[in-house]
Amino acid sequence: MRIKDKIQIRVKRSKRSVFLRSDFKDIAGYDQVGRILRLMVASGELIKIGYGLYVRARLNRITRKAMPDNPGGADGVLIEAMERLGKDYKFDDLSVSNMQGVSTQIPAKINVIPTSSRFTRKIEIGSQGVNLA
């Protein structure tokens, strides 16, 4: 079985949708894994959302473009990516007030804010992201 096949099987069978490059270090070396992940991004199986961060993709039925395969959409991808990296985060005030039932306004997107000022990694999925501004 080829390295690409092993990585594709692991991505398809996994319950999570966000993958780190280090998830595949037991299959092949750093450069080989990077090459395969680049091929999978080019073919639309994965979407690169940050340095060493990838999300499983599926085709949108309407636009025929790759979109994240996560039930929470882009918001769910950002939250899962922060948890996979082991970083603490908080939500913006509007999102928190809606989650607590204080406000009936529903935000168009949830803003994920890292609690540590030392976390400068950019994570971007579509128009949403962490540390974009």
N, C-alpha and C. Protein backbone atom coordinates (compact mmCIF):
# COMPACT_ATOMS: atom_id res chain seq x y z
N MET A 1 0.85 -1.18 0.00
CA MET A 1 0.00 0.00 0.00
C MET A 1 0.89 1.24 0.00
N ARG A 2 0.52 2.20 -0.84
CA ARG A 2 1.32 3.42 -0.95
C ARG A 2 1.05 4.35 0.23
N ILE A 3 1.97 5.29 0.42
CA ILE A 3 1.85 6.26 1.51
C ILE A 3 0.59 7.10 1.32
N LYS A 4 0.32 7.51 0.10
CA LYS A 4 -0.87 8.32 -0.17
C LYS A 4 -2.13 7.57 0.22
N ASP A 5 -2.19 6.29 -0.10
CA ASP A 5 -3.36 5.49 0.25
C ASP A 5 -3.55 5.40 1.75
N LYS A 6 -2.47 5.23 2.49
CA LYS A 6 -2.55 5.13 3.95
C LYS A 6 -3.07 6.44 4.56
N ILE A 7 -2.57 7.57 4.04
CA ILE A 7 -3.01 8.87 4.56
C ILE A 7 -4.48 9.11 4.20
N GLN A 8 -4.88 8.77 2.98
CA GLN A 8 -6.27 8.96 2.57
C GLN A 8 -7.21 8.11 3.42
N ILE A 9 -6.82 6.88 3.71
CA ILE A 9 -7.65 6.01 4.53
C ILE A 9 -7.80 6.59 5.94
N ARG A 10 -6.70 7.09 6.50
CA ARG A 10 -6.75 7.66 7.84
C ARG A 10 -7.65 8.90 7.88
N VAL A 11 -7.58 9.72 6.85
CA VAL A 11 -8.42 10.93 6.79
C VAL A 11 -9.89 10.55 6.66
N LYS A 12 -10.20 9.59 5.81
CA LYS A 12 -11.60 9.20 5.60
C LYS A 12 -12.21 8.52 6.81
N ARG A 13 -11.44 7.72 7.53
CA ARG A 13 -11.96 6.95 8.66
C ARG A 13 -12.00 7.73 9.97
N SER A 14 -11.33 8.84 10.02
CA SER A 14 -11.23 9.60 11.26
C SER A 14 -12.55 10.27 11.62
N LYS A 15 -12.84 10.34 12.92
CA LYS A 15 -14.04 11.02 13.40
C LYS A 15 -13.85 12.52 13.42
N ARG A 16 -12.61 12.97 13.55
CA ARG A 16 -12.35 14.41 13.56
C ARG A 16 -12.20 14.92 12.14
N SER A 17 -12.31 16.22 11.99
CA SER A 17 -12.20 16.79 10.65
C SER A 17 -10.95 17.65 10.48
N VAL A 18 -10.30 18.03 11.58
CA VAL A 18 -9.08 18.85 11.51
C VAL A 18 -7.88 17.94 11.77
N PHE A 19 -6.87 18.08 10.92
CA PHE A 19 -5.68 17.24 11.03
C PHE A 19 -4.44 18.11 11.12
N LEU A 20 -3.51 17.66 11.93
CA LEU A 20 -2.19 18.27 12.01
C LEU A 20 -1.24 17.46 11.15
N ARG A 21 -0.22 18.08 10.66
CA ARG A 21 0.77 17.37 9.87
C ARG A 21 1.41 16.25 10.68
N SER A 22 1.52 16.47 11.98
CA SER A 22 2.16 15.47 12.84
C SER A 22 1.28 14.24 13.06
N ASP A 23 0.01 14.27 12.67
CA ASP A 23 -0.86 13.10 12.79
C ASP A 23 -0.40 11.95 11.91
N PHE A 24 0.40 12.25 10.91
CA PHE A 24 0.80 11.25 9.94
C PHE A 24 2.29 10.90 10.03
N LYS A 25 2.95 11.29 11.11
CA LYS A 25 4.40 11.07 11.20
C LYS A 25 4.76 9.60 11.35
N ASP A 26 3.82 8.75 11.76
CA ASP A 26 4.10 7.32 11.85
C ASP A 26 4.00 6.63 10.50
N ILE A 27 3.45 7.31 9.50
CA ILE A 27 3.30 6.72 8.16
C ILE A 27 4.53 6.98 7.31
N ALA A 28 5.04 8.22 7.34
CA ALA A 28 6.18 8.59 6.49
C ALA A 28 6.91 9.77 7.10
N GLY A 29 7.99 10.19 6.44
CA GLY A 29 8.78 11.31 6.91
C GLY A 29 8.08 12.64 6.68
N TYR A 30 8.64 13.68 7.27
CA TYR A 30 8.07 15.02 7.23
C TYR A 30 7.86 15.51 5.80
N ASP A 31 8.88 15.40 4.95
CA ASP A 31 8.78 15.89 3.57
C ASP A 31 7.78 15.09 2.75
N GLN A 32 7.78 13.77 2.93
CA GLN A 32 6.85 12.93 2.18
C GLN A 32 5.41 13.23 2.56
N VAL A 33 5.16 13.38 3.84
CA VAL A 33 3.80 13.70 4.30
C VAL A 33 3.37 15.05 3.74
N GLY A 34 4.27 16.02 3.75
CA GLY A 34 3.96 17.34 3.20
C GLY A 34 3.61 17.28 1.73
N ARG A 35 4.35 16.48 0.97
CA ARG A 35 4.08 16.32 -0.46
C ARG A 35 2.70 15.72 -0.70
N ILE A 36 2.37 14.68 0.06
CA ILE A 36 1.07 14.02 -0.10
C ILE A 36 -0.07 14.97 0.30
N LEU A 37 0.12 15.71 1.39
CA LEU A 37 -0.92 16.65 1.82
C LEU A 37 -1.14 17.74 0.78
N ARG A 38 -0.06 18.21 0.15
CA ARG A 38 -0.20 19.20 -0.92
C ARG A 38 -1.00 18.63 -2.09
N LEU A 39 -0.75 17.36 -2.44
CA LEU A 39 -1.51 16.72 -3.52
C LEU A 39 -2.98 16.59 -3.16
N MET A 40 -3.25 16.27 -1.89
CA MET A 40 -4.63 16.12 -1.45
C MET A 40 -5.36 17.47 -1.43
N VAL A 41 -4.63 18.55 -1.13
CA VAL A 41 -5.22 19.90 -1.19
C VAL A 41 -5.53 20.25 -2.64
N ALA A 42 -4.62 19.93 -3.54
CA ALA A 42 -4.82 20.24 -4.96
C ALA A 42 -5.99 19.45 -5.54
N SER A 43 -6.21 18.23 -5.06
CA SER A 43 -7.30 17.41 -5.59
C SER A 43 -8.64 17.70 -4.91
N GLY A 44 -8.64 18.52 -3.84
CA GLY A 44 -9.88 18.89 -3.19
C GLY A 44 -10.30 17.98 -2.04
N GLU A 45 -9.43 17.06 -1.62
CA GLU A 45 -9.75 16.18 -0.50
C GLU A 45 -9.54 16.87 0.84
N LEU A 46 -8.61 17.82 0.89
CA LEU A 46 -8.31 18.58 2.09
C LEU A 46 -8.29 20.07 1.76
N ILE A 47 -8.46 20.89 2.80
CA ILE A 47 -8.31 22.34 2.68
C ILE A 47 -7.26 22.74 3.70
N LYS A 48 -6.27 23.52 3.27
CA LYS A 48 -5.26 24.00 4.20
C LYS A 48 -5.80 25.25 4.88
N ILE A 49 -5.81 25.22 6.22
CA ILE A 49 -6.36 26.36 6.96
C ILE A 49 -5.30 27.10 7.75
N GLY A 50 -4.09 26.59 7.78
CA GLY A 50 -3.02 27.25 8.51
C GLY A 50 -1.75 26.43 8.38
N TYR A 51 -0.70 26.89 9.02
CA TYR A 51 0.58 26.20 8.97
C TYR A 51 0.46 24.84 9.64
N GLY A 52 0.54 23.77 8.85
CA GLY A 52 0.45 22.42 9.37
C GLY A 52 -0.95 22.01 9.78
N LEU A 53 -1.97 22.77 9.41
CA LEU A 53 -3.36 22.47 9.75
C LEU A 53 -4.18 22.25 8.48
N TYR A 54 -4.90 21.14 8.48
CA TYR A 54 -5.72 20.79 7.33
C TYR A 54 -7.10 20.35 7.81
N VAL A 55 -8.10 20.54 6.98
CA VAL A 55 -9.45 20.10 7.30
C VAL A 55 -9.96 19.23 6.14
N ARG A 56 -10.66 18.17 6.50
CA ARG A 56 -11.25 17.29 5.49
C ARG A 56 -12.29 18.08 4.71
N ALA A 57 -12.34 17.89 3.41
CA ALA A 57 -13.23 18.67 2.55
C ALA A 57 -14.23 17.78 1.83
N ARG A 58 -15.31 18.40 1.42
CA ARG A 58 -16.28 17.75 0.54
C ARG A 58 -16.76 18.79 -0.45
N LEU A 59 -17.33 18.33 -1.55
CA LEU A 59 -17.79 19.26 -2.57
C LEU A 59 -19.15 19.83 -2.21
N ASN A 60 -19.29 21.13 -2.38
CA ASN A 60 -20.57 21.78 -2.21
C ASN A 60 -21.43 21.43 -3.42
N ARG A 61 -22.66 21.00 -3.16
CA ARG A 61 -23.53 20.57 -4.26
C ARG A 61 -23.91 21.71 -5.19
N ILE A 62 -23.93 22.92 -4.69
CA ILE A 62 -24.36 24.06 -5.50
C ILE A 62 -23.19 24.67 -6.27
N THR A 63 -22.12 25.01 -5.56
CA THR A 63 -21.00 25.71 -6.18
C THR A 63 -19.93 24.78 -6.75
N ARG A 64 -19.97 23.50 -6.36
CA ARG A 64 -18.96 22.52 -6.79
C ARG A 64 -17.55 22.90 -6.33
N LYS A 65 -17.46 23.63 -5.22
CA LYS A 65 -16.16 23.97 -4.64
C LYS A 65 -15.99 23.22 -3.33
N ALA A 66 -14.75 23.06 -2.91
CA ALA A 66 -14.47 22.35 -1.67
C ALA A 66 -14.90 23.18 -0.48
N MET A 67 -15.55 22.51 0.49
CA MET A 67 -15.96 23.16 1.72
C MET A 67 -15.64 22.23 2.87
N PRO A 68 -15.49 22.75 4.10
CA PRO A 68 -15.12 21.88 5.21
C PRO A 68 -16.20 20.85 5.52
N ASP A 69 -15.75 19.63 5.78
CA ASP A 69 -16.66 18.54 6.12
C ASP A 69 -16.77 18.46 7.63
N ASN A 70 -17.46 19.45 8.19
CA ASN A 70 -17.64 19.53 9.63
C ASN A 70 -19.09 19.95 9.88
N PRO A 71 -19.82 19.27 10.77
CA PRO A 71 -21.21 19.64 11.00
C PRO A 71 -21.37 21.07 11.53
N GLY A 72 -20.35 21.60 12.19
CA GLY A 72 -20.41 22.96 12.72
C GLY A 72 -20.01 24.02 11.71
N GLY A 73 -19.67 23.63 10.50
CA GLY A 73 -19.25 24.58 9.48
C GLY A 73 -17.91 25.20 9.82
N ALA A 74 -17.70 26.42 9.36
CA ALA A 74 -16.42 27.11 9.59
C ALA A 74 -16.20 27.39 11.07
N ASP A 75 -17.28 27.68 11.80
CA ASP A 75 -17.15 27.91 13.25
C ASP A 75 -16.64 26.66 13.94
N GLY A 76 -17.20 25.52 13.58
CA GLY A 76 -16.78 24.25 14.18
C GLY A 76 -15.34 23.91 13.85
N VAL A 77 -14.90 24.27 12.64
CA VAL A 77 -13.52 24.01 12.24
C VAL A 77 -12.56 24.84 13.09
N LEU A 78 -12.88 26.12 13.29
CA LEU A 78 -12.01 26.98 14.10
C LEU A 78 -11.91 26.49 15.53
N ILE A 79 -13.03 26.10 16.11
CA ILE A 79 -13.03 25.60 17.49
C ILE A 79 -12.24 24.31 17.59
N GLU A 80 -12.45 23.39 16.64
CA GLU A 80 -11.71 22.12 16.67
C GLU A 80 -10.22 22.34 16.45
N ALA A 81 -9.85 23.28 15.60
CA ALA A 81 -8.43 23.57 15.36
C ALA A 81 -7.76 24.10 16.63
N MET A 82 -8.44 25.00 17.34
CA MET A 82 -7.87 25.53 18.58
C MET A 82 -7.74 24.42 19.63
N GLU A 83 -8.71 23.53 19.70
CA GLU A 83 -8.63 22.43 20.65
C GLU A 83 -7.54 21.44 20.27
N ARG A 84 -7.36 21.17 18.97
CA ARG A 84 -6.30 20.27 18.52
C ARG A 84 -4.91 20.84 18.82
N LEU A 85 -4.80 22.16 18.75
CA LEU A 85 -3.52 22.81 19.05
C LEU A 85 -3.29 22.94 20.56
N GLY A 86 -4.33 22.69 21.34
CA GLY A 86 -4.21 22.78 22.79
C GLY A 86 -4.16 24.20 23.31
N LYS A 87 -4.77 25.12 22.60
CA LYS A 87 -4.77 26.53 22.99
C LYS A 87 -6.12 26.93 23.56
N ASP A 88 -6.10 27.76 24.59
CA ASP A 88 -7.34 28.27 25.17
C ASP A 88 -7.89 29.39 24.30
N TYR A 89 -9.20 29.51 24.29
CA TYR A 89 -9.84 30.53 23.47
C TYR A 89 -11.11 31.00 24.16
N LYS A 90 -11.61 32.13 23.66
CA LYS A 90 -12.90 32.64 24.13
C LYS A 90 -13.65 33.17 22.91
N PHE A 91 -14.92 33.45 23.10
CA PHE A 91 -15.75 33.99 22.03
C PHE A 91 -15.95 35.48 22.23
N ASP A 92 -16.37 36.17 21.17
CA ASP A 92 -16.65 37.60 21.28
C ASP A 92 -17.91 37.82 22.11
N ASP A 93 -18.12 39.05 22.54
CA ASP A 93 -19.22 39.39 23.45
C ASP A 93 -20.60 39.08 22.88
N LEU A 94 -20.81 39.36 21.60
CA LEU A 94 -22.11 39.11 20.98
C LEU A 94 -22.43 37.62 20.97
N SER A 95 -21.46 36.80 20.65
CA SER A 95 -21.67 35.35 20.62
C SER A 95 -21.96 34.82 22.02
N VAL A 96 -21.23 35.32 23.01
CA VAL A 96 -21.43 34.87 24.39
C VAL A 96 -22.81 35.24 24.89
N SER A 97 -23.26 36.46 24.61
CA SER A 97 -24.58 36.87 25.08
C SER A 97 -25.68 36.06 24.40
N ASN A 98 -25.49 35.66 23.15
CA ASN A 98 -26.47 34.82 22.49
C ASN A 98 -26.47 33.41 23.07
N MET A 99 -25.30 32.86 23.36
CA MET A 99 -25.20 31.51 23.92
C MET A 99 -25.80 31.43 25.32
N GLN A 100 -25.69 32.52 26.07
CA GLN A 100 -26.23 32.54 27.43
C GLN A 100 -27.73 32.89 27.46
N GLY A 101 -28.29 33.25 26.34
CA GLY A 101 -29.71 33.58 26.27
C GLY A 101 -30.03 35.00 26.66
N VAL A 102 -29.01 35.84 26.83
CA VAL A 102 -29.23 37.24 27.19
C VAL A 102 -29.76 38.02 25.98
N SER A 103 -29.27 37.68 24.81
CA SER A 103 -29.65 38.39 23.59
C SER A 103 -30.29 37.42 22.61
N THR A 104 -31.23 37.92 21.82
CA THR A 104 -31.83 37.08 20.78
C THR A 104 -31.18 37.29 19.43
N GLN A 105 -30.22 38.22 19.36
CA GLN A 105 -29.51 38.44 18.11
C GLN A 105 -28.56 37.28 17.86
N ILE A 106 -28.61 36.76 16.66
CA ILE A 106 -27.75 35.65 16.29
C ILE A 106 -26.61 36.20 15.44
N PRO A 107 -25.36 36.04 15.88
CA PRO A 107 -24.24 36.58 15.09
C PRO A 107 -24.08 35.80 13.78
N ALA A 108 -23.68 36.50 12.74
CA ALA A 108 -23.47 35.86 11.44
C ALA A 108 -22.32 34.86 11.51
N LYS A 109 -21.31 35.18 12.30
CA LYS A 109 -20.20 34.26 12.50
C LYS A 109 -19.66 34.44 13.91
N ILE A 110 -19.14 33.36 14.43
CA ILE A 110 -18.57 33.39 15.77
C ILE A 110 -17.11 33.80 15.66
N ASN A 111 -16.70 34.78 16.46
CA ASN A 111 -15.30 35.19 16.49
C ASN A 111 -14.59 34.44 17.61
N VAL A 112 -13.61 33.65 17.24
CA VAL A 112 -12.81 32.90 18.20
C VAL A 112 -11.57 33.73 18.50
N ILE A 113 -11.37 34.03 19.78
CA ILE A 113 -10.26 34.88 20.21
C ILE A 113 -9.35 34.08 21.13
N PRO A 114 -8.07 33.91 20.78
CA PRO A 114 -7.17 33.20 21.69
C PRO A 114 -6.95 34.00 22.97
N THR A 115 -6.88 33.30 24.11
CA THR A 115 -6.69 34.00 25.38
C THR A 115 -5.25 34.44 25.58
N SER A 116 -4.32 33.75 24.96
CA SER A 116 -2.91 34.12 25.10
C SER A 116 -2.52 35.10 24.00
N SER A 117 -1.84 36.16 24.39
CA SER A 117 -1.38 37.13 23.39
C SER A 117 -0.17 36.59 22.62
N ARG A 118 0.42 35.52 23.11
CA ARG A 118 1.58 34.93 22.44
C ARG A 118 1.19 34.02 21.29
N PHE A 119 -0.07 33.66 21.19
CA PHE A 119 -0.55 32.82 20.09
C PHE A 119 -0.77 33.71 18.87
N THR A 120 0.13 33.62 17.89
CA THR A 120 0.05 34.48 16.72
C THR A 120 -0.23 33.70 15.43
N ARG A 121 -0.39 32.42 15.53
CA ARG A 121 -0.64 31.59 14.35
C ARG A 121 -1.95 32.01 13.69
N LYS A 122 -1.94 32.12 12.37
CA LYS A 122 -3.14 32.48 11.63
C LYS A 122 -3.85 31.20 11.19
N ILE A 123 -5.14 31.15 11.47
CA ILE A 123 -5.99 30.05 11.02
C ILE A 123 -7.11 30.69 10.23
N GLU A 124 -7.28 30.26 8.98
CA GLU A 124 -8.24 30.91 8.10
C GLU A 124 -9.05 29.88 7.33
N ILE A 125 -10.35 30.00 7.41
CA ILE A 125 -11.25 29.15 6.63
C ILE A 125 -12.31 30.08 6.02
N GLY A 126 -12.21 30.29 4.74
CA GLY A 126 -13.11 31.24 4.06
C GLY A 126 -12.82 32.66 4.52
N SER A 127 -13.85 33.36 4.95
CA SER A 127 -13.67 34.73 5.43
C SER A 127 -13.50 34.78 6.94
N GLN A 128 -13.59 33.64 7.62
CA GLN A 128 -13.45 33.58 9.06
C GLN A 128 -12.05 33.11 9.43
N GLY A 129 -11.65 33.45 10.65
CA GLY A 129 -10.36 32.99 11.08
C GLY A 129 -9.97 33.48 12.45
N VAL A 130 -8.79 33.09 12.85
CA VAL A 130 -8.20 33.49 14.12
C VAL A 130 -6.93 34.28 13.79
N ASN A 131 -6.77 35.43 14.44
CA ASN A 131 -5.59 36.30 14.25
C ASN A 131 -5.46 36.81 12.82
N LEU A 132 -6.55 37.15 12.20
CA LEU A 132 -6.49 37.66 10.82
C LEU A 132 -6.26 39.16 10.78
N ALA A 133 -6.77 39.89 11.74
CA ALA A 133 -6.66 41.35 11.71
C ALA A 133 -5.39 41.83 12.34
